[in-house]
Amino acid sequence: MTMENFILGYVAQRMAETGFKTYHFEPSVVVMDNTLTEVIIDATNEYYYLTSGSLVTGTEISSDTNVFTADATYPLLDYSKVQEFTGQIKITCPEGSSQQVIEFIRVIPD
């Protein structure tokens, strides 16, 4: 099973578990650098699934339903990279970190 197939299957499973029969999804990207160390996303009634291949160690993503902190082993993970966030999402990067691109799949139930 490819990672892309896993993510799509996981999203379908999670939407069914939460009672949503129809939904659509799109990519979502957050770009951060040493001048932008915190971003807030209002994901009320939406779900964000982390799919980034790498994250700066110490990057924290928290929401109403999950808290995830990237450590040095993050690039070694496969399926555990996929984290679900919903509600108020706060992304914080360590001070002085270089630019990083954080990728999500944004799922919007119909």
N, C-alpha and C. Protein backbone atom coordinates (compact mmCIF):
# COMPACT_ATOMS: atom_id res chain seq x y z
N MET A 1 0.85 -1.18 0.00
CA MET A 1 0.00 0.00 0.00
C MET A 1 0.89 1.24 0.00
N THR A 2 0.60 2.13 -0.90
CA THR A 2 1.37 3.37 -0.94
C THR A 2 0.88 4.31 0.15
N MET A 3 1.72 5.28 0.47
CA MET A 3 1.36 6.26 1.49
C MET A 3 0.12 7.05 1.06
N GLU A 4 0.03 7.40 -0.22
CA GLU A 4 -1.13 8.14 -0.72
C GLU A 4 -2.41 7.34 -0.53
N ASN A 5 -2.37 6.05 -0.84
CA ASN A 5 -3.54 5.19 -0.65
C ASN A 5 -3.90 5.08 0.82
N PHE A 6 -2.89 4.98 1.68
CA PHE A 6 -3.14 4.91 3.12
C PHE A 6 -3.87 6.17 3.59
N ILE A 7 -3.36 7.33 3.20
CA ILE A 7 -3.96 8.59 3.64
C ILE A 7 -5.41 8.70 3.17
N LEU A 8 -5.66 8.40 1.91
CA LEU A 8 -7.03 8.47 1.39
C LEU A 8 -7.95 7.48 2.11
N GLY A 9 -7.45 6.28 2.35
CA GLY A 9 -8.24 5.29 3.09
C GLY A 9 -8.48 5.71 4.52
N TYR A 10 -7.47 6.30 5.14
CA TYR A 10 -7.59 6.76 6.52
C TYR A 10 -8.61 7.89 6.63
N VAL A 11 -8.57 8.84 5.71
CA VAL A 11 -9.53 9.94 5.70
C VAL A 11 -10.95 9.38 5.54
N ALA A 12 -11.14 8.46 4.59
CA ALA A 12 -12.46 7.86 4.38
C ALA A 12 -12.95 7.15 5.64
N GLN A 13 -12.06 6.43 6.29
CA GLN A 13 -12.42 5.73 7.53
C GLN A 13 -12.81 6.71 8.63
N ARG A 14 -12.01 7.75 8.82
CA ARG A 14 -12.29 8.74 9.87
C ARG A 14 -13.58 9.50 9.61
N MET A 15 -13.86 9.82 8.35
CA MET A 15 -15.11 10.52 8.05
C MET A 15 -16.31 9.62 8.34
N ALA A 16 -16.20 8.34 8.00
CA ALA A 16 -17.28 7.39 8.31
C ALA A 16 -17.46 7.25 9.82
N GLU A 17 -16.35 7.19 10.56
CA GLU A 17 -16.43 7.06 12.01
C GLU A 17 -17.07 8.27 12.67
N THR A 18 -16.89 9.45 12.08
CA THR A 18 -17.45 10.67 12.65
C THR A 18 -18.84 10.98 12.09
N GLY A 19 -19.36 10.10 11.21
CA GLY A 19 -20.73 10.24 10.73
C GLY A 19 -20.91 11.06 9.46
N PHE A 20 -19.82 11.40 8.78
CA PHE A 20 -19.93 12.19 7.55
C PHE A 20 -19.90 11.26 6.35
N LYS A 21 -20.99 11.28 5.57
CA LYS A 21 -21.07 10.42 4.39
C LYS A 21 -20.45 11.07 3.16
N THR A 22 -20.51 12.40 3.12
CA THR A 22 -19.92 13.11 1.99
C THR A 22 -18.97 14.19 2.50
N TYR A 23 -17.93 14.41 1.76
CA TYR A 23 -16.91 15.40 2.12
C TYR A 23 -16.07 15.66 0.89
N HIS A 24 -15.31 16.70 0.92
CA HIS A 24 -14.31 16.93 -0.11
C HIS A 24 -13.01 17.33 0.58
N PHE A 25 -11.93 17.22 -0.15
CA PHE A 25 -10.63 17.55 0.46
C PHE A 25 -9.76 18.27 -0.55
N GLU A 26 -8.76 18.97 0.00
CA GLU A 26 -7.83 19.73 -0.81
C GLU A 26 -6.52 19.85 -0.05
N PRO A 27 -5.43 20.09 -0.78
CA PRO A 27 -4.16 20.30 -0.09
C PRO A 27 -4.16 21.66 0.60
N SER A 28 -3.43 21.75 1.69
CA SER A 28 -3.27 23.00 2.42
C SER A 28 -1.82 23.10 2.86
N VAL A 29 -1.21 24.25 2.66
CA VAL A 29 0.20 24.43 2.95
C VAL A 29 0.38 25.65 3.85
N VAL A 30 1.21 25.48 4.87
CA VAL A 30 1.60 26.59 5.74
C VAL A 30 3.11 26.75 5.60
N VAL A 31 3.56 27.96 5.27
CA VAL A 31 4.99 28.24 5.13
C VAL A 31 5.41 29.11 6.30
N MET A 32 6.42 28.66 7.02
CA MET A 32 6.91 29.39 8.20
C MET A 32 8.41 29.60 8.08
N ASP A 33 8.89 30.68 8.70
CA ASP A 33 10.32 30.96 8.73
C ASP A 33 10.66 31.67 10.03
N ASN A 34 11.87 32.21 10.13
CA ASN A 34 12.30 32.83 11.39
C ASN A 34 11.55 34.11 11.71
N THR A 35 10.75 34.64 10.77
CA THR A 35 9.94 35.82 11.06
C THR A 35 8.49 35.46 11.40
N LEU A 36 8.09 34.24 11.08
CA LEU A 36 6.73 33.77 11.35
C LEU A 36 6.84 32.46 12.12
N THR A 37 6.72 32.52 13.43
CA THR A 37 6.93 31.33 14.26
C THR A 37 5.64 30.77 14.83
N GLU A 38 4.50 31.43 14.56
CA GLU A 38 3.22 30.92 15.05
C GLU A 38 2.12 31.22 14.04
N VAL A 39 1.28 30.23 13.80
CA VAL A 39 0.14 30.38 12.90
C VAL A 39 -1.07 29.75 13.58
N ILE A 40 -2.22 30.42 13.46
CA ILE A 40 -3.49 29.89 13.98
C ILE A 40 -4.40 29.63 12.78
N ILE A 41 -4.99 28.45 12.74
CA ILE A 41 -5.94 28.08 11.69
C ILE A 41 -7.27 27.79 12.36
N ASP A 42 -8.33 28.43 11.87
CA ASP A 42 -9.67 28.12 12.37
C ASP A 42 -10.22 26.97 11.55
N ALA A 43 -10.17 25.79 12.10
CA ALA A 43 -10.63 24.59 11.41
C ALA A 43 -11.92 24.06 12.03
N THR A 44 -12.78 24.97 12.44
CA THR A 44 -14.07 24.56 12.98
C THR A 44 -14.83 23.83 11.87
N ASN A 45 -15.32 22.65 12.18
CA ASN A 45 -16.06 21.81 11.22
C ASN A 45 -15.20 21.35 10.05
N GLU A 46 -13.90 21.35 10.22
CA GLU A 46 -12.96 20.85 9.22
C GLU A 46 -11.95 19.95 9.90
N TYR A 47 -11.27 19.15 9.12
CA TYR A 47 -10.24 18.26 9.63
C TYR A 47 -8.98 18.46 8.81
N TYR A 48 -7.87 18.57 9.51
CA TYR A 48 -6.56 18.72 8.86
C TYR A 48 -5.73 17.49 9.19
N TYR A 49 -5.15 16.89 8.15
CA TYR A 49 -4.30 15.71 8.33
C TYR A 49 -2.88 16.08 7.90
N LEU A 50 -1.97 16.01 8.85
CA LEU A 50 -0.56 16.32 8.59
C LEU A 50 0.03 15.28 7.66
N THR A 51 0.70 15.73 6.61
CA THR A 51 1.31 14.80 5.65
C THR A 51 2.75 15.18 5.30
N SER A 52 3.33 16.17 5.95
CA SER A 52 4.68 16.64 5.63
C SER A 52 5.70 15.52 5.74
N GLY A 53 6.65 15.52 4.81
CA GLY A 53 7.73 14.55 4.86
C GLY A 53 8.74 14.83 5.95
N SER A 54 8.92 16.11 6.29
CA SER A 54 9.85 16.47 7.35
C SER A 54 9.34 17.73 8.05
N LEU A 55 9.72 17.87 9.30
CA LEU A 55 9.39 19.04 10.10
C LEU A 55 10.62 19.41 10.93
N VAL A 56 10.77 20.69 11.22
CA VAL A 56 11.84 21.14 12.09
C VAL A 56 11.60 20.56 13.48
N THR A 57 12.63 19.99 14.08
CA THR A 57 12.52 19.45 15.44
C THR A 57 12.04 20.54 16.38
N GLY A 58 11.03 20.21 17.16
CA GLY A 58 10.45 21.17 18.10
C GLY A 58 9.21 21.86 17.59
N THR A 59 8.86 21.65 16.32
CA THR A 59 7.62 22.21 15.79
C THR A 59 6.46 21.55 16.52
N GLU A 60 5.54 22.37 17.01
CA GLU A 60 4.37 21.85 17.73
C GLU A 60 3.09 22.25 17.01
N ILE A 61 2.22 21.27 16.83
CA ILE A 61 0.91 21.51 16.24
C ILE A 61 -0.11 21.02 17.26
N SER A 62 -0.96 21.94 17.70
CA SER A 62 -1.98 21.57 18.69
C SER A 62 -3.34 22.02 18.20
N SER A 63 -4.36 21.29 18.62
CA SER A 63 -5.73 21.63 18.26
C SER A 63 -6.64 21.23 19.40
N ASP A 64 -7.94 21.35 19.16
CA ASP A 64 -8.90 20.95 20.17
C ASP A 64 -8.85 19.45 20.45
N THR A 65 -8.29 18.68 19.51
CA THR A 65 -8.32 17.22 19.63
C THR A 65 -6.97 16.53 19.66
N ASN A 66 -5.87 17.26 19.44
CA ASN A 66 -4.58 16.58 19.34
C ASN A 66 -3.45 17.57 19.63
N VAL A 67 -2.38 17.06 20.21
CA VAL A 67 -1.14 17.83 20.37
C VAL A 67 -0.02 16.95 19.82
N PHE A 68 0.76 17.51 18.89
CA PHE A 68 1.85 16.76 18.27
C PHE A 68 3.09 17.62 18.26
N THR A 69 4.20 17.08 18.74
CA THR A 69 5.48 17.77 18.70
C THR A 69 6.46 16.93 17.89
N ALA A 70 7.04 17.53 16.86
CA ALA A 70 8.00 16.82 16.02
C ALA A 70 9.33 16.71 16.75
N ASP A 71 9.88 15.52 16.76
CA ASP A 71 11.21 15.32 17.32
C ASP A 71 12.15 14.86 16.21
N ALA A 72 13.37 14.53 16.58
CA ALA A 72 14.38 14.18 15.59
C ALA A 72 14.03 12.91 14.81
N THR A 73 13.14 12.08 15.34
CA THR A 73 12.78 10.84 14.65
C THR A 73 11.67 11.03 13.62
N TYR A 74 11.08 12.21 13.55
CA TYR A 74 9.95 12.43 12.64
C TYR A 74 10.25 11.99 11.20
N PRO A 75 11.39 12.32 10.61
CA PRO A 75 11.64 11.90 9.22
C PRO A 75 11.67 10.37 9.05
N LEU A 76 11.87 9.63 10.12
CA LEU A 76 11.93 8.17 10.03
C LEU A 76 10.55 7.53 10.05
N LEU A 77 9.52 8.28 10.42
CA LEU A 77 8.18 7.75 10.52
C LEU A 77 7.54 7.61 9.14
N ASP A 78 6.63 6.67 9.03
CA ASP A 78 5.82 6.56 7.83
C ASP A 78 4.39 6.91 8.18
N TYR A 79 3.63 5.93 8.59
CA TYR A 79 2.20 6.12 8.83
C TYR A 79 1.90 6.98 10.06
N SER A 80 2.78 7.03 11.02
CA SER A 80 2.55 7.85 12.21
C SER A 80 2.70 9.34 11.92
N LYS A 81 3.21 9.69 10.74
CA LYS A 81 3.27 11.11 10.37
C LYS A 81 1.88 11.69 10.21
N VAL A 82 0.91 10.86 9.84
CA VAL A 82 -0.45 11.33 9.60
C VAL A 82 -1.13 11.57 10.94
N GLN A 83 -1.30 12.83 11.27
CA GLN A 83 -1.93 13.25 12.52
C GLN A 83 -3.18 14.05 12.16
N GLU A 84 -4.24 13.88 12.95
CA GLU A 84 -5.50 14.58 12.69
C GLU A 84 -5.67 15.75 13.64
N PHE A 85 -6.10 16.89 13.09
CA PHE A 85 -6.35 18.10 13.88
C PHE A 85 -7.69 18.69 13.45
N THR A 86 -8.43 19.21 14.42
CA THR A 86 -9.68 19.90 14.13
C THR A 86 -9.92 20.97 15.18
N GLY A 87 -10.79 21.93 14.86
CA GLY A 87 -11.04 23.03 15.79
C GLY A 87 -10.02 24.13 15.60
N GLN A 88 -9.59 24.72 16.68
CA GLN A 88 -8.57 25.77 16.64
C GLN A 88 -7.19 25.10 16.57
N ILE A 89 -6.47 25.30 15.47
CA ILE A 89 -5.16 24.68 15.28
C ILE A 89 -4.09 25.76 15.45
N LYS A 90 -3.12 25.46 16.31
CA LYS A 90 -2.00 26.38 16.54
C LYS A 90 -0.71 25.67 16.16
N ILE A 91 0.05 26.29 15.27
CA ILE A 91 1.33 25.75 14.83
C ILE A 91 2.42 26.68 15.35
N THR A 92 3.36 26.11 16.09
CA THR A 92 4.45 26.89 16.66
C THR A 92 5.78 26.26 16.25
N CYS A 93 6.67 27.09 15.72
CA CYS A 93 8.01 26.63 15.34
C CYS A 93 9.03 27.20 16.32
N PRO A 94 10.12 26.51 16.53
CA PRO A 94 11.16 27.01 17.43
C PRO A 94 11.73 28.33 16.91
N GLU A 95 12.10 29.20 17.84
CA GLU A 95 12.75 30.47 17.49
C GLU A 95 14.01 30.18 16.68
N GLY A 96 14.22 30.99 15.66
CA GLY A 96 15.45 30.87 14.87
C GLY A 96 15.44 29.74 13.86
N SER A 97 14.32 29.04 13.72
CA SER A 97 14.29 27.95 12.74
C SER A 97 14.22 28.51 11.33
N SER A 98 14.75 27.75 10.40
CA SER A 98 14.74 28.19 9.01
C SER A 98 13.36 27.95 8.41
N GLN A 99 13.21 28.33 7.17
CA GLN A 99 11.92 28.15 6.51
C GLN A 99 11.55 26.68 6.44
N GLN A 100 10.27 26.42 6.68
CA GLN A 100 9.76 25.07 6.49
C GLN A 100 8.35 25.15 5.91
N VAL A 101 8.03 24.13 5.14
CA VAL A 101 6.72 24.02 4.53
C VAL A 101 6.00 22.87 5.25
N ILE A 102 4.81 23.17 5.78
CA ILE A 102 4.03 22.17 6.50
C ILE A 102 2.82 21.84 5.64
N GLU A 103 2.71 20.57 5.27
CA GLU A 103 1.65 20.14 4.37
C GLU A 103 0.55 19.39 5.12
N PHE A 104 -0.68 19.71 4.76
CA PHE A 104 -1.86 19.05 5.29
C PHE A 104 -2.79 18.66 4.15
N ILE A 105 -3.67 17.73 4.43
CA ILE A 105 -4.86 17.53 3.63
C ILE A 105 -5.99 18.11 4.46
N ARG A 106 -6.69 19.06 3.89
CA ARG A 106 -7.82 19.73 4.55
C ARG A 106 -9.09 19.03 4.08
N VAL A 107 -9.86 18.49 5.05
CA VAL A 107 -11.08 17.76 4.73
C VAL A 107 -12.27 18.57 5.23
N ILE A 108 -13.21 18.82 4.33
CA ILE A 108 -14.38 19.62 4.66
C ILE A 108 -15.63 18.76 4.44
N PRO A 109 -16.27 18.36 5.54
CA PRO A 109 -17.51 17.58 5.39
C PRO A 109 -18.60 18.43 4.73
N ASP A 110 -19.40 17.80 3.86
CA ASP A 110 -20.50 18.50 3.18
C ASP A 110 -21.74 18.54 4.05
